[in-house]
Amino acid sequence: MVSASVVKSVVVLVFVGAAGGWRHGGGGEDRSTNPRRHPWRVPPSQQNNTAVTAQVGGTARIRCYTHFLADEMVTWMKRDEDQLLTVGSQVYSSEARYSVSHSRHQKMWELSIRDVRFTDAGLYECQLTTHPPASLFFWLRVVEARAVIRGGPAVHVPTGGRFTLHCTVHLATETPSYIFWFHNGTMVNFLSRRGLRVESLSHTSSVLRVSEVMWRDAGTYRCEPHRAVPANMTVHVVEGEKHAALHNGQKESSEQDSPAAGSGLTLTLSSSLIGSLCLLAVQWGGGFPSVNT
């Protein structure tokens, strides 16, 4: 594999020797080719070794601008594999995923790779048929977009309560066509169900809200965006605090109203009364006072 430093050195030499002269440094800026005023007029020094990122399953687009030379025909190669991809508008690769387009107005050749795979990553060369030939090199980086649900991997929710699951797509280079939510394998985005709602916060994030939680809301929830690895969250439903408090209150009340509790109260009163009578008997000479009728 050709190292970046070697490639850069070779390209600089090629540019200097190219017809019309592409030179680095020295001299003032050519205002007519200022990339801020004319975005498509990107000089070679800014194009060379450009990093392009694409996601697995998406489409990679690598653009080679030829404004600084005559609008010559371009050859695209995957340099680290010495594989010829296109010559002009003709595709020479057996891969149907490759295509090339040419914009004469912008003097730009674009190589497109559909259904991107990890094996597509590497060094690509845009070679212009000048005398001598000039080349620009581009690095394609391939990432895998994946969904992430905030928190987790599990959450406990009381009955009667509520919960919100927040899903965001990370490393996406393209806006997902959809973000679907599943509960125990059933898609719920368009499910008409009381207390359940799905909302889109942005092109790459979605939330699922459940209010008045019931036992049936327990299970596995999955966030599945288009062309991204899905994410799971497990929701455990537990007995709600209000229900538990009500249950405990009924239990305490039943204990207070039970016959055993009443017997204890009666026994306490009887003992007090007997003690008082005994004290009176002592005061009256050891016997109980008589009552004349």
C-alpha atoms as a PDB file:
ATOM      1  CA  MET A   1       0.000   0.000   0.000  1.00  0.00           C
ATOM      2  CA  VAL A   2       1.304   3.454  -0.937  1.00  0.00           C
ATOM      3  CA  SER A   3       1.996   5.637   2.092  1.00  0.00           C
ATOM      4  CA  ALA A   4       0.327   9.031   2.347  1.00  0.00           C
ATOM      5  CA  SER A   5       3.660  10.889   2.454  1.00  0.00           C
ATOM      6  CA  VAL A   6       4.936   9.192  -0.699  1.00  0.00           C
ATOM      7  CA  VAL A   7       1.651   9.813  -2.506  1.00  0.00           C
ATOM      8  CA  LYS A   8       1.673  13.474  -1.550  1.00  0.00           C
ATOM      9  CA  SER A   9       5.227  13.939  -2.739  1.00  0.00           C
ATOM     10  CA  VAL A  10       4.468  12.298  -6.078  1.00  0.00           C
ATOM     11  CA  VAL A  11       1.342  14.381  -6.576  1.00  0.00           C
ATOM     12  CA  VAL A  12       3.168  17.626  -5.874  1.00  0.00           C
ATOM     13  CA  LEU A  13       5.763  16.748  -8.503  1.00  0.00           C
ATOM     14  CA  VAL A  14       3.058  15.827 -11.010  1.00  0.00           C
ATOM     15  CA  PHE A  15       1.188  19.075 -10.449  1.00  0.00           C
ATOM     16  CA  VAL A  16       4.297  21.203 -10.925  1.00  0.00           C
ATOM     17  CA  GLY A  17       5.150  19.470 -14.190  1.00  0.00           C
ATOM     18  CA  ALA A  18       1.576  19.513 -15.520  1.00  0.00           C
ATOM     19  CA  ALA A  19       0.655  21.695 -18.423  1.00  0.00           C
ATOM     20  CA  GLY A  20      -0.626  25.017 -17.239  1.00  0.00           C
ATOM     21  CA  GLY A  21       1.339  24.717 -13.995  1.00  0.00           C
ATOM     22  CA  TRP A  22      -0.228  23.777 -10.633  1.00  0.00           C
ATOM     23  CA  ARG A  23       2.175  25.210  -8.092  1.00  0.00           C
ATOM     24  CA  HIS A  24       2.053  25.405  -4.315  1.00  0.00           C
ATOM     25  CA  GLY A  25       3.091  28.585  -2.493  1.00  0.00           C
ATOM     26  CA  GLY A  26       4.495  31.795  -3.968  1.00  0.00           C
ATOM     27  CA  GLY A  27       2.599  34.564  -5.669  1.00  0.00           C
ATOM     28  CA  GLY A  28      -0.694  36.155  -4.679  1.00  0.00           C
ATOM     29  CA  GLU A  29      -4.086  34.543  -4.538  1.00  0.00           C
ATOM     30  CA  ASP A  30      -6.025  34.344  -7.779  1.00  0.00           C
ATOM     31  CA  ARG A  31      -9.317  35.974  -6.807  1.00  0.00           C
ATOM     32  CA  SER A  32     -11.082  34.469  -9.788  1.00  0.00           C
ATOM     33  CA  THR A  33     -10.440  31.008  -8.361  1.00  0.00           C
ATOM     34  CA  ASN A  34     -11.201  31.751  -4.724  1.00  0.00           C
ATOM     35  CA  PRO A  35     -13.111  28.670  -3.500  1.00  0.00           C
ATOM     36  CA  ARG A  36     -15.253  30.877  -1.240  1.00  0.00           C
ATOM     37  CA  ARG A  37     -16.567  32.766  -4.242  1.00  0.00           C
ATOM     38  CA  HIS A  38     -16.702  29.702  -6.503  1.00  0.00           C
ATOM     39  CA  PRO A  39     -17.151  26.550  -4.368  1.00  0.00           C
ATOM     40  CA  TRP A  40     -16.656  24.215  -7.324  1.00  0.00           C
ATOM     41  CA  ARG A  41     -13.251  25.727  -8.138  1.00  0.00           C
ATOM     42  CA  VAL A  42     -11.381  23.752  -5.493  1.00  0.00           C
ATOM     43  CA  PRO A  43      -7.592  23.954  -6.026  1.00  0.00           C
ATOM     44  CA  PRO A  44      -5.579  20.718  -6.124  1.00  0.00           C
ATOM     45  CA  SER A  45      -3.888  21.488  -2.811  1.00  0.00           C
ATOM     46  CA  GLN A  46      -7.293  21.394  -1.107  1.00  0.00           C
ATOM     47  CA  GLN A  47      -8.555  18.312  -2.943  1.00  0.00           C
ATOM     48  CA  ASN A  48      -5.554  16.053  -2.562  1.00  0.00           C
ATOM     49  CA  ASN A  49      -5.758  13.468   0.247  1.00  0.00           C
ATOM     50  CA  THR A  50      -9.309  14.514   1.008  1.00  0.00           C
ATOM     51  CA  ALA A  51     -11.033  12.179   3.468  1.00  0.00           C
ATOM     52  CA  VAL A  52     -14.526  11.054   2.487  1.00  0.00           C
ATOM     53  CA  THR A  53     -16.737   9.221   4.981  1.00  0.00           C
ATOM     54  CA  ALA A  54     -19.630   6.907   4.085  1.00  0.00           C
ATOM     55  CA  GLN A  55     -21.753   4.535   6.123  1.00  0.00           C
ATOM     56  CA  VAL A  56     -22.335   0.844   5.539  1.00  0.00           C
ATOM     57  CA  GLY A  57     -25.300   0.381   3.230  1.00  0.00           C
ATOM     58  CA  GLY A  58     -25.227   4.000   2.094  1.00  0.00           C
ATOM     59  CA  THR A  59     -23.727   5.743  -0.938  1.00  0.00           C
ATOM     60  CA  ALA A  60     -20.199   7.141  -1.136  1.00  0.00           C
ATOM     61  CA  ARG A  61     -19.610  10.115  -3.467  1.00  0.00           C
ATOM     62  CA  ILE A  62     -16.062  11.159  -4.311  1.00  0.00           C
ATOM     63  CA  ARG A  63     -15.762  14.371  -6.335  1.00  0.00           C
ATOM     64  CA  CYS A  64     -12.778  15.360  -8.432  1.00  0.00           C
ATOM     65  CA  TYR A  65     -12.738  18.985  -9.706  1.00  0.00           C
ATOM     66  CA  THR A  66     -10.756  19.723 -12.870  1.00  0.00           C
ATOM     67  CA  HIS A  67     -11.199  23.491 -13.143  1.00  0.00           C
ATOM     68  CA  PHE A  68      -7.467  24.190 -12.947  1.00  0.00           C
ATOM     69  CA  LEU A  69      -6.856  22.170 -16.071  1.00  0.00           C
ATOM     70  CA  ALA A  70      -8.728  21.745 -19.283  1.00  0.00           C
ATOM     71  CA  ASP A  71     -11.820  19.609 -18.774  1.00  0.00           C
ATOM     72  CA  GLU A  72      -9.998  16.409 -19.609  1.00  0.00           C
ATOM     73  CA  MET A  73     -11.345  12.884 -19.327  1.00  0.00           C
ATOM     74  CA  VAL A  74     -10.855  11.277 -15.915  1.00  0.00           C
ATOM     75  CA  THR A  75      -9.905   7.743 -14.930  1.00  0.00           C
ATOM     76  CA  TRP A  76     -10.933   6.440 -11.507  1.00  0.00           C
ATOM     77  CA  MET A  77      -8.910   3.708  -9.794  1.00  0.00           C
ATOM     78  CA  LYS A  78      -8.900   2.027  -6.403  1.00  0.00           C
ATOM     79  CA  ARG A  79      -5.200   2.605  -5.964  1.00  0.00           C
ATOM     80  CA  ASP A  80      -4.513   0.377  -2.949  1.00  0.00           C
ATOM     81  CA  GLU A  81      -5.852  -2.581  -4.970  1.00  0.00           C
ATOM     82  CA  ASP A  82      -4.659  -1.406  -8.425  1.00  0.00           C
ATOM     83  CA  GLN A  83      -8.222  -1.810  -9.663  1.00  0.00           C
ATOM     84  CA  LEU A  84      -9.455   0.161 -12.691  1.00  0.00           C
ATOM     85  CA  LEU A  85     -12.987   1.405 -12.031  1.00  0.00           C
ATOM     86  CA  THR A  86     -13.941   3.881 -14.768  1.00  0.00           C
ATOM     87  CA  VAL A  87     -12.544   5.616 -17.835  1.00  0.00           C
ATOM     88  CA  GLY A  88     -14.519   8.675 -18.772  1.00  0.00           C
ATOM     89  CA  SER A  89     -18.192   7.774 -18.438  1.00  0.00           C
ATOM     90  CA  GLN A  90     -17.509   4.059 -18.998  1.00  0.00           C
ATOM     91  CA  VAL A  91     -17.493   1.724 -15.969  1.00  0.00           C
ATOM     92  CA  TYR A  92     -14.924  -1.059 -16.252  1.00  0.00           C
ATOM     93  CA  SER A  93     -15.503  -2.722 -12.908  1.00  0.00           C
ATOM     94  CA  SER A  94     -17.685  -5.836 -12.756  1.00  0.00           C
ATOM     95  CA  GLU A  95     -19.306  -4.318  -9.666  1.00  0.00           C
ATOM     96  CA  ALA A  96     -22.682  -2.826 -10.578  1.00  0.00           C
ATOM     97  CA  ARG A  97     -22.418  -0.644  -7.485  1.00  0.00           C
ATOM     98  CA  TYR A  98     -19.999   1.778  -9.232  1.00  0.00           C
ATOM     99  CA  SER A  99     -21.141   4.683 -11.392  1.00  0.00           C
ATOM    100  CA  VAL A 100     -19.610   7.923 -12.643  1.00  0.00           C
ATOM    101  CA  SER A 101     -21.097  11.283 -13.588  1.00  0.00           C
ATOM    102  CA  HIS A 102     -19.648  14.393 -15.188  1.00  0.00           C
ATOM    103  CA  SER A 103     -20.760  17.961 -14.596  1.00  0.00           C
ATOM    104  CA  ARG A 104     -19.356  20.137 -17.393  1.00  0.00           C
ATOM    105  CA  HIS A 105     -20.545  23.351 -15.758  1.00  0.00           C
ATOM    106  CA  GLN A 106     -18.706  22.591 -12.522  1.00  0.00           C
ATOM    107  CA  LYS A 107     -15.869  20.739 -14.288  1.00  0.00           C
ATOM    108  CA  MET A 108     -16.336  17.907 -11.856  1.00  0.00           C
ATOM    109  CA  TRP A 109     -16.204  14.109 -12.105  1.00  0.00           C
ATOM    110  CA  GLU A 110     -18.029  12.180  -9.378  1.00  0.00           C
ATOM    111  CA  LEU A 111     -17.475   8.527  -8.546  1.00  0.00           C
ATOM    112  CA  SER A 112     -20.434   6.943  -6.723  1.00  0.00           C
ATOM    113  CA  ILE A 113     -20.406   3.674  -4.796  1.00  0.00           C
ATOM    114  CA  ARG A 114     -23.811   2.312  -3.789  1.00  0.00           C
ATOM    115  CA  ASP A 115     -24.503  -0.138  -0.967  1.00  0.00           C
ATOM    116  CA  VAL A 116     -21.157   0.677   0.672  1.00  0.00           C
ATOM    117  CA  ARG A 117     -19.260  -2.139   2.398  1.00  0.00           C
ATOM    118  CA  PHE A 118     -16.320  -2.118   4.788  1.00  0.00           C
ATOM    119  CA  THR A 119     -14.151  -3.516   1.986  1.00  0.00           C
ATOM    120  CA  ASP A 120     -14.731  -0.323  -0.046  1.00  0.00           C
ATOM    121  CA  ALA A 121     -12.563   1.673   2.342  1.00  0.00           C
ATOM    122  CA  GLY A 122      -9.172   2.700   1.002  1.00  0.00           C
ATOM    123  CA  LEU A 123      -7.283   4.982  -1.383  1.00  0.00           C
ATOM    124  CA  TYR A 124      -8.939   6.182  -4.621  1.00  0.00           C
ATOM    125  CA  GLU A 125      -7.217   7.961  -7.487  1.00  0.00           C
ATOM    126  CA  CYS A 126      -8.690  10.478  -9.885  1.00  0.00           C
ATOM    127  CA  GLN A 127      -6.268  10.529 -12.846  1.00  0.00           C
ATOM    128  CA  LEU A 128      -6.545  13.246 -15.497  1.00  0.00           C
ATOM    129  CA  THR A 129      -5.367  12.602 -19.050  1.00  0.00           C
ATOM    130  CA  THR A 130      -3.105  15.612 -19.200  1.00  0.00           C
ATOM    131  CA  HIS A 131       0.490  15.676 -20.465  1.00  0.00           C
ATOM    132  CA  PRO A 132       2.027  14.604 -18.218  1.00  0.00           C
ATOM    133  CA  PRO A 133      -0.903  12.933 -16.355  1.00  0.00           C
ATOM    134  CA  ALA A 134      -2.052  14.542 -13.106  1.00  0.00           C
ATOM    135  CA  SER A 135      -3.639  12.687 -10.209  1.00  0.00           C
ATOM    136  CA  LEU A 136      -5.633  13.467  -7.098  1.00  0.00           C
ATOM    137  CA  PHE A 137      -6.015  10.992  -4.249  1.00  0.00           C
ATOM    138  CA  PHE A 138      -8.943  10.513  -1.880  1.00  0.00           C
ATOM    139  CA  TRP A 139      -9.288   8.414   1.257  1.00  0.00           C
ATOM    140  CA  LEU A 140     -12.622   6.660   1.739  1.00  0.00           C
ATOM    141  CA  ARG A 141     -13.496   5.845   5.342  1.00  0.00           C
ATOM    142  CA  VAL A 142     -16.411   3.490   6.019  1.00  0.00           C
ATOM    143  CA  VAL A 143     -18.336   3.615   9.312  1.00  0.00           C
ATOM    144  CA  GLU A 144     -21.288   1.694  10.690  1.00  0.00           C
ATOM    145  CA  ALA A 145     -24.223   3.799  11.854  1.00  0.00           C
ATOM    146  CA  ARG A 146     -25.906   2.520  14.989  1.00  0.00           C
ATOM    147  CA  ALA A 147     -28.805   3.413  17.249  1.00  0.00           C
ATOM    148  CA  VAL A 148     -28.248   4.305  20.893  1.00  0.00           C
ATOM    149  CA  ILE A 149     -31.033   4.398  23.503  1.00  0.00           C
ATOM    150  CA  ARG A 150     -30.241   6.738  26.360  1.00  0.00           C
ATOM    151  CA  GLY A 151     -29.757   4.953  29.688  1.00  0.00           C
ATOM    152  CA  GLY A 152     -30.250   1.222  30.002  1.00  0.00           C
ATOM    153  CA  PRO A 153     -29.829  -1.540  29.182  1.00  0.00           C
ATOM    154  CA  ALA A 154     -32.837  -1.923  31.516  1.00  0.00           C
ATOM    155  CA  VAL A 155     -35.208   0.319  33.444  1.00  0.00           C
ATOM    156  CA  HIS A 156     -37.780  -0.346  36.203  1.00  0.00           C
ATOM    157  CA  VAL A 157     -41.097   1.511  35.999  1.00  0.00           C
ATOM    158  CA  PRO A 158     -44.002   1.381  38.520  1.00  0.00           C
ATOM    159  CA  THR A 159     -47.530   0.635  37.391  1.00  0.00           C
ATOM    160  CA  GLY A 160     -49.479   3.820  36.843  1.00  0.00           C
ATOM    161  CA  GLY A 161     -46.283   5.740  36.128  1.00  0.00           C
ATOM    162  CA  ARG A 162     -44.689   6.771  32.848  1.00  0.00           C
ATOM    163  CA  PHE A 163     -41.437   6.391  30.933  1.00  0.00           C
ATOM    164  CA  THR A 164     -39.709   7.852  27.868  1.00  0.00           C
ATOM    165  CA  LEU A 165     -37.165   6.082  25.655  1.00  0.00           C
ATOM    166  CA  HIS A 166     -34.875   8.418  23.665  1.00  0.00           C
ATOM    167  CA  CYS A 167     -33.117   6.945  20.588  1.00  0.00           C
ATOM    168  CA  THR A 168     -30.379   8.702  18.586  1.00  0.00           C
ATOM    169  CA  VAL A 169     -28.544   7.507  15.461  1.00  0.00           C
ATOM    170  CA  HIS A 170     -24.757   7.831  15.780  1.00  0.00           C
ATOM    171  CA  LEU A 171     -22.182   7.976  12.930  1.00  0.00           C
ATOM    172  CA  ALA A 172     -24.850   8.351  10.244  1.00  0.00           C
ATOM    173  CA  THR A 173     -23.561  10.077   7.093  1.00  0.00           C
ATOM    174  CA  GLU A 174     -27.036  10.054   5.551  1.00  0.00           C
ATOM    175  CA  THR A 175     -30.415  10.951   7.012  1.00  0.00           C
ATOM    176  CA  PRO A 176     -32.230   7.689   7.849  1.00  0.00           C
ATOM    177  CA  SER A 177     -35.441   7.192   5.887  1.00  0.00           C
ATOM    178  CA  TYR A 178     -37.184   6.036   9.052  1.00  0.00           C
ATOM    179  CA  ILE A 179     -36.706   5.182  12.723  1.00  0.00           C
ATOM    180  CA  PHE A 180     -39.019   2.346  13.773  1.00  0.00           C
ATOM    181  CA  TRP A 181     -39.875   1.294  17.337  1.00  0.00           C
ATOM    182  CA  PHE A 182     -40.754  -2.301  18.252  1.00  0.00           C
ATOM    183  CA  HIS A 183     -42.224  -3.722  21.475  1.00  0.00           C
ATOM    184  CA  ASN A 184     -41.658  -7.463  21.876  1.00  0.00           C
ATOM    185  CA  GLY A 185     -41.250  -7.728  18.101  1.00  0.00           C
ATOM    186  CA  THR A 186     -44.322  -5.657  17.130  1.00  0.00           C
ATOM    187  CA  MET A 187     -43.852  -2.271  15.460  1.00  0.00           C
ATOM    188  CA  VAL A 188     -45.650   0.435  17.445  1.00  0.00           C
ATOM    189  CA  ASN A 189     -44.994   3.620  15.421  1.00  0.00           C
ATOM    190  CA  PHE A 190     -48.488   3.606  13.947  1.00  0.00           C
ATOM    191  CA  LEU A 191     -50.219   1.547  16.642  1.00  0.00           C
ATOM    192  CA  SER A 192     -53.387   3.122  18.010  1.00  0.00           C
ATOM    193  CA  ARG A 193     -52.976   2.446  21.705  1.00  0.00           C
ATOM    194  CA  ARG A 194     -53.893   4.533  24.724  1.00  0.00           C
ATOM    195  CA  GLY A 195     -50.925   5.997  26.544  1.00  0.00           C
ATOM    196  CA  LEU A 196     -48.321   5.137  23.853  1.00  0.00           C
ATOM    197  CA  ARG A 197     -46.874   7.766  21.490  1.00  0.00           C
ATOM    198  CA  VAL A 198     -43.869   7.977  19.129  1.00  0.00           C
ATOM    199  CA  GLU A 199     -42.382  11.383  18.239  1.00  0.00           C
ATOM    200  CA  SER A 200     -39.554  12.514  15.954  1.00  0.00           C
ATOM    201  CA  LEU A 201     -37.266  15.077  17.568  1.00  0.00           C
ATOM    202  CA  SER A 202     -34.973  15.454  14.535  1.00  0.00           C
ATOM    203  CA  HIS A 203     -33.893  13.570  11.413  1.00  0.00           C
ATOM    204  CA  THR A 204     -31.666  11.341  13.539  1.00  0.00           C
ATOM    205  CA  SER A 205     -33.549  11.010  16.835  1.00  0.00           C
ATOM    206  CA  SER A 206     -36.897   9.694  18.032  1.00  0.00           C
ATOM    207  CA  VAL A 207     -38.660   9.173  21.364  1.00  0.00           C
ATOM    208  CA  LEU A 208     -41.213   6.633  22.546  1.00  0.00           C
ATOM    209  CA  ARG A 209     -43.463   7.755  25.414  1.00  0.00           C
ATOM    210  CA  VAL A 210     -45.682   5.514  27.548  1.00  0.00           C
ATOM    211  CA  SER A 211     -47.988   6.942  30.230  1.00  0.00           C
ATOM    212  CA  GLU A 212     -50.210   5.161  32.760  1.00  0.00           C
ATOM    213  CA  VAL A 213     -47.955   2.130  32.638  1.00  0.00           C
ATOM    214  CA  MET A 214     -49.631  -1.276  32.843  1.00  0.00           C
ATOM    215  CA  TRP A 215     -48.221  -4.784  33.228  1.00  0.00           C
ATOM    216  CA  ARG A 216     -48.523  -5.344  29.474  1.00  0.00           C
ATOM    217  CA  ASP A 217     -46.008  -2.531  28.846  1.00  0.00           C
ATOM    218  CA  ALA A 218     -43.158  -4.672  30.183  1.00  0.00           C
ATOM    219  CA  GLY A 219     -40.756  -6.307  27.740  1.00  0.00           C
ATOM    220  CA  THR A 220     -38.100  -5.473  25.156  1.00  0.00           C
ATOM    221  CA  TYR A 221     -38.209  -2.246  23.159  1.00  0.00           C
ATOM    222  CA  ARG A 222     -36.096  -1.928  19.995  1.00  0.00           C
ATOM    223  CA  CYS A 223     -35.138   1.227  18.108  1.00  0.00           C
ATOM    224  CA  GLU A 224     -34.373   0.337  14.486  1.00  0.00           C
ATOM    225  CA  PRO A 225     -33.283   3.163  12.139  1.00  0.00           C
ATOM    226  CA  HIS A 226     -32.823   2.673   8.405  1.00  0.00           C
ATOM    227  CA  ARG A 227     -29.314   1.370   7.556  1.00  0.00           C
ATOM    228  CA  ALA A 228     -28.179   1.350  11.167  1.00  0.00           C
ATOM    229  CA  VAL A 229     -27.568  -1.271  13.830  1.00  0.00           C
ATOM    230  CA  PRO A 230     -30.640  -1.347  16.147  1.00  0.00           C
ATOM    231  CA  ALA A 231     -30.573  -0.836  19.927  1.00  0.00           C
ATOM    232  CA  ASN A 232     -32.590  -2.618  22.632  1.00  0.00           C
ATOM    233  CA  MET A 233     -33.923  -1.600  26.035  1.00  0.00           C
ATOM    234  CA  THR A 234     -35.698  -3.842  28.563  1.00  0.00           C
ATOM    235  CA  VAL A 235     -38.538  -2.339  30.635  1.00  0.00           C
ATOM    236  CA  HIS A 236     -39.464  -4.063  33.905  1.00  0.00           C
ATOM    237  CA  VAL A 237     -42.855  -3.097  35.348  1.00  0.00           C
ATOM    238  CA  VAL A 238     -43.092  -3.236  39.153  1.00  0.00           C
ATOM    239  CA  GLU A 239     -45.931  -2.553  41.581  1.00  0.00           C
ATOM    240  CA  GLY A 240     -46.606   1.152  41.748  1.00  0.00           C
ATOM    241  CA  GLU A 241     -45.958   3.150  44.923  1.00  0.00           C
ATOM    242  CA  LYS A 242     -49.591   4.260  45.283  1.00  0.00           C
ATOM    243  CA  HIS A 243     -50.845   0.707  44.996  1.00  0.00           C
ATOM    244  CA  ALA A 244     -48.303  -0.499  47.566  1.00  0.00           C
ATOM    245  CA  ALA A 245     -49.208   2.291  50.019  1.00  0.00           C
ATOM    246  CA  LEU A 246     -52.931   1.566  49.687  1.00  0.00           C
ATOM    247  CA  HIS A 247     -52.312  -2.114  50.268  1.00  0.00           C
ATOM    248  CA  ASN A 248     -50.271  -1.410  53.425  1.00  0.00           C
ATOM    249  CA  GLY A 249     -52.945   0.959  54.796  1.00  0.00           C
ATOM    250  CA  GLN A 250     -55.685  -1.652  54.431  1.00  0.00           C
ATOM    251  CA  LYS A 251     -53.503  -4.185  56.219  1.00  0.00           C
ATOM    252  CA  GLU A 252     -52.898  -1.893  59.194  1.00  0.00           C
ATOM    253  CA  SER A 253     -56.597  -1.040  59.492  1.00  0.00           C
ATOM    254  CA  SER A 254     -57.622  -4.676  59.531  1.00  0.00           C
ATOM    255  CA  GLU A 255     -55.163  -5.388  62.339  1.00  0.00           C
ATOM    256  CA  GLN A 256     -56.600  -2.583  64.495  1.00  0.00           C
ATOM    257  CA  ASP A 257     -60.185  -3.742  63.979  1.00  0.00           C
ATOM    258  CA  SER A 258     -59.469  -7.404  64.725  1.00  0.00           C
ATOM    259  CA  PRO A 259     -61.013  -9.154  67.832  1.00  0.00           C
ATOM    260  CA  ALA A 260     -57.547  -9.678  69.294  1.00  0.00           C
ATOM    261  CA  ALA A 261     -56.954  -5.931  69.390  1.00  0.00           C
ATOM    262  CA  GLY A 262     -60.316  -5.387  71.117  1.00  0.00           C
ATOM    263  CA  SER A 263     -59.587  -8.077  73.741  1.00  0.00           C
ATOM    264  CA  GLY A 264     -56.321  -6.400  74.630  1.00  0.00           C
ATOM    265  CA  LEU A 265     -58.095  -3.098  75.221  1.00  0.00           C
ATOM    266  CA  THR A 266     -60.765  -4.736  77.441  1.00  0.00           C
ATOM    267  CA  LEU A 267     -58.145  -6.553  79.485  1.00  0.00           C
ATOM    268  CA  THR A 268     -56.286  -3.317  80.146  1.00  0.00           C
ATOM    269  CA  LEU A 269     -59.429  -1.533  81.422  1.00  0.00           C
ATOM    270  CA  SER A 270     -60.436  -4.457  83.669  1.00  0.00           C
ATOM    271  CA  SER A 271     -57.030  -4.547  85.367  1.00  0.00           C
ATOM    272  CA  SER A 272     -57.245  -0.854  86.197  1.00  0.00           C
ATOM    273  CA  LEU A 273     -60.706  -1.209  87.699  1.00  0.00           C
ATOM    274  CA  ILE A 274     -59.675  -4.162  89.893  1.00  0.00           C
ATOM    275  CA  GLY A 275     -56.683  -2.192  91.223  1.00  0.00           C
ATOM    276  CA  SER A 276     -58.911   0.729  92.253  1.00  0.00           C
ATOM    277  CA  LEU A 277     -61.351  -1.551  94.130  1.00  0.00           C
ATOM    278  CA  CYS A 278     -58.523  -3.212  96.036  1.00  0.00           C
ATOM    279  CA  LEU A 279     -57.245   0.194  97.207  1.00  0.00           C
ATOM    280  CA  LEU A 280     -60.703   1.164  98.513  1.00  0.00           C
ATOM    281  CA  ALA A 281     -60.975  -2.106 100.401  1.00  0.00           C
ATOM    282  CA  VAL A 282     -57.754  -1.429 102.283  1.00  0.00           C
ATOM    283  CA  GLN A 283     -58.934   2.054 103.242  1.00  0.00           C
ATOM    284  CA  TRP A 284     -62.195   0.683 104.661  1.00  0.00           C
ATOM    285  CA  GLY A 285     -60.524  -1.755 107.030  1.00  0.00           C
ATOM    286  CA  GLY A 286     -59.843  -4.656 104.837  1.00  0.00           C
ATOM    287  CA  GLY A 287     -63.326  -5.108 103.508  1.00  0.00           C
ATOM    288  CA  PHE A 288     -65.487  -3.700 100.849  1.00  0.00           C
ATOM    289  CA  PRO A 289     -67.792  -0.910 101.959  1.00  0.00           C
ATOM    290  CA  SER A 290     -71.397  -1.849 102.410  1.00  0.00           C
ATOM    291  CA  VAL A 291     -74.100  -0.020 100.623  1.00  0.00           C
ATOM    292  CA  ASN A 292     -77.386   0.534 102.384  1.00  0.00           C
ATOM    293  CA  THR A 293     -80.400   0.495 100.271  1.00  0.00           C
END
